[in-house]
C-alpha atoms as a PDB file:
ATOM      1  CA  MET A   1      -0.271   0.120   0.020  1.00  0.00           C
ATOM      2  CA  LYS A   2       1.111   3.967  -0.726  1.00  0.00           C
ATOM      3  CA  VAL A   3       0.005   6.880   1.057  1.00  0.00           C
ATOM      4  CA  SER A   4       0.223   9.949  -0.828  1.00  0.00           C
ATOM      5  CA  SER A   5       1.398  12.690   1.543  1.00  0.00           C
ATOM      6  CA  PRO A   6       3.047  16.446   1.043  1.00  0.00           C
ATOM      7  CA  ILE A   7       6.342  14.771   1.496  1.00  0.00           C
ATOM      8  CA  GLY A   8       5.851  11.935  -1.430  1.00  0.00           C
ATOM      9  CA  GLU A   9       4.350   8.687  -1.525  1.00  0.00           C
ATOM     10  CA  LEU A  10       5.391   6.944   1.018  1.00  0.00           C
ATOM     11  CA  PRO A  11       4.928   3.045   1.362  1.00  0.00           C
ATOM     12  CA  PHE A  12       2.336   1.495   4.462  1.00  0.00           C
ATOM     13  CA  GLU A  13       3.367  -1.667   5.483  1.00  0.00           C
ATOM     14  CA  PRO A  14       0.836  -3.556   7.757  1.00  0.00           C
ATOM     15  CA  ARG A  15       2.142  -5.320  10.889  1.00  0.00           C
ATOM     16  CA  LYS A  16      -0.851  -5.934  13.017  1.00  0.00           C
ATOM     17  CA  VAL A  17      -4.992  -5.775  12.800  1.00  0.00           C
ATOM     18  CA  SER A  18      -7.312  -5.341  15.584  1.00  0.00           C
ATOM     19  CA  VAL A  19     -10.527  -5.039  17.002  1.00  0.00           C
ATOM     20  CA  LYS A  20     -10.018  -2.161  19.161  1.00  0.00           C
ATOM     21  CA  ASP A  21     -12.170   0.783  20.640  1.00  0.00           C
ATOM     22  CA  GLY A  22     -15.424  -0.747  18.707  1.00  0.00           C
ATOM     23  CA  GLY A  23     -13.561  -0.855  15.435  1.00  0.00           C
ATOM     24  CA  ILE A  24     -11.124  -2.287  13.460  1.00  0.00           C
ATOM     25  CA  GLU A  25      -6.871  -1.002  13.556  1.00  0.00           C
ATOM     26  CA  ILE A  26      -4.501  -1.792  11.468  1.00  0.00           C
ATOM     27  CA  GLN A  27      -1.342  -1.143  12.658  1.00  0.00           C
ATOM     28  CA  GLY A  28       2.349  -0.761  10.759  1.00  0.00           C
ATOM     29  CA  LEU A  29       4.526   1.563   8.884  1.00  0.00           C
ATOM     30  CA  MET A  30       4.956   4.790   7.002  1.00  0.00           C
ATOM     31  CA  GLY A  31       8.363   4.814   5.432  1.00  0.00           C
ATOM     32  CA  ALA A  32      10.219   5.176   9.072  1.00  0.00           C
ATOM     33  CA  TRP A  33       7.497   5.805  10.853  1.00  0.00           C
ATOM     34  CA  PRO A  34       4.834   4.041  12.759  1.00  0.00           C
ATOM     35  CA  ALA A  35       1.315   4.236  11.804  1.00  0.00           C
ATOM     36  CA  HIS A  36      -1.956   3.164  12.660  1.00  0.00           C
ATOM     37  CA  VAL A  37      -5.596   3.287  10.704  1.00  0.00           C
ATOM     38  CA  HIS A  38      -8.375   2.902  13.453  1.00  0.00           C
ATOM     39  CA  ILE A  39     -11.913   2.059  11.080  1.00  0.00           C
ATOM     40  CA  GLY A  40     -14.276   2.757  13.614  1.00  0.00           C
ATOM     41  CA  LEU A  41     -18.429   2.587  12.703  1.00  0.00           C
ATOM     42  CA  ASP A  42     -18.571   5.818  12.263  1.00  0.00           C
ATOM     43  CA  ASP A  43     -16.939   5.550   8.952  1.00  0.00           C
ATOM     44  CA  LEU A  44     -19.088   2.091   7.758  1.00  0.00           C
ATOM     45  CA  PRO A  45     -21.387   4.899   5.968  1.00  0.00           C
ATOM     46  CA  ALA A  46     -18.385   6.750   4.008  1.00  0.00           C
ATOM     47  CA  LEU A  47     -16.985   3.434   3.154  1.00  0.00           C
ATOM     48  CA  ALA A  48     -20.533   1.994   2.066  1.00  0.00           C
ATOM     49  CA  ARG A  49     -20.840   4.898  -0.649  1.00  0.00           C
ATOM     50  CA  LEU A  50     -16.792   4.878  -1.641  1.00  0.00           C
ATOM     51  CA  LEU A  51     -17.619   0.990  -2.042  1.00  0.00           C
ATOM     52  CA  ALA A  52     -21.304   0.760  -3.530  1.00  0.00           C
ATOM     53  CA  ARG A  53     -20.379   1.864  -6.719  1.00  0.00           C
ATOM     54  CA  PRO A  54     -17.254  -0.256  -8.009  1.00  0.00           C
ATOM     55  CA  ALA A  55     -19.685  -2.669  -6.383  1.00  0.00           C
ATOM     56  CA  ALA A  56     -22.999  -2.118  -8.300  1.00  0.00           C
ATOM     57  CA  ALA A  57     -20.491  -2.155 -11.853  1.00  0.00           C
ATOM     58  CA  ALA A  58     -19.308  -5.445 -10.595  1.00  0.00           C
ATOM     59  CA  ALA A  59     -22.906  -6.461 -10.126  1.00  0.00           C
ATOM     60  CA  ALA A  60     -24.264  -5.386 -13.522  1.00  0.00           C
ATOM     61  CA  ALA A  61     -20.873  -6.989 -15.320  1.00  0.00           C
ATOM     62  CA  ALA A  62     -21.751 -10.092 -13.730  1.00  0.00           C
ATOM     63  CA  VAL A  63     -25.707  -9.809 -14.897  1.00  0.00           C
ATOM     64  CA  ILE A  64     -24.604  -8.625 -18.428  1.00  0.00           C
ATOM     65  CA  THR A  65     -22.152 -11.549 -18.980  1.00  0.00           C
ATOM     66  CA  ALA A  66     -24.788 -14.240 -17.954  1.00  0.00           C
ATOM     67  CA  GLY A  67     -27.233 -12.413 -20.462  1.00  0.00           C
ATOM     68  CA  LEU A  68     -24.775 -12.779 -22.788  1.00  0.00           C
ATOM     69  CA  THR A  69     -23.758 -16.316 -22.122  1.00  0.00           C
ATOM     70  CA  ARG A  70     -27.525 -17.644 -22.069  1.00  0.00           C
ATOM     71  CA  PHE A  71     -28.283 -15.390 -25.422  1.00  0.00           C
ATOM     72  CA  ALA A  72     -25.144 -17.159 -26.806  1.00  0.00           C
ATOM     73  CA  ARG A  73     -26.440 -20.330 -25.761  1.00  0.00           C
ATOM     74  CA  SER A  74     -29.700 -20.405 -27.267  1.00  0.00           C
ATOM     75  CA  VAL A  75     -29.318 -19.270 -30.599  1.00  0.00           C
ATOM     76  CA  ARG A  76     -26.614 -21.674 -31.258  1.00  0.00           C
ATOM     77  CA  PRO A  77     -27.567 -24.668 -33.614  1.00  0.00           C
ATOM     78  CA  ALA A  78     -28.621 -27.544 -32.620  1.00  0.00           C
ATOM     79  CA  PRO A  79     -25.241 -30.556 -33.135  1.00  0.00           C
ATOM     80  CA  SER A  80     -26.465 -32.846 -35.870  1.00  0.00           C
ATOM     81  CA  LYS A  81     -26.501 -36.535 -35.924  1.00  0.00           C
ATOM     82  CA  GLY A  82     -24.262 -37.926 -38.212  1.00  0.00           C
ATOM     83  CA  ASN A  83     -25.745 -40.408 -40.344  1.00  0.00           C
END
């Protein structure tokens, strides 16, 4: 993972994931500095909004693919029996 900051892009190396204070905490290193990310219940609506669009696009792609596959199978000529 990378974190963009005013001093440039720094790698974030996750080291530990735990449940803490009613949320998920990821501890790791950002460059040479210790860092942590805390995701609490208050963050879930924002995360849901961020993930909704890619999830909807993936679902639509799956439905379209399934429909095209079904259509292609329905118009394929049946194999003829040899004499």
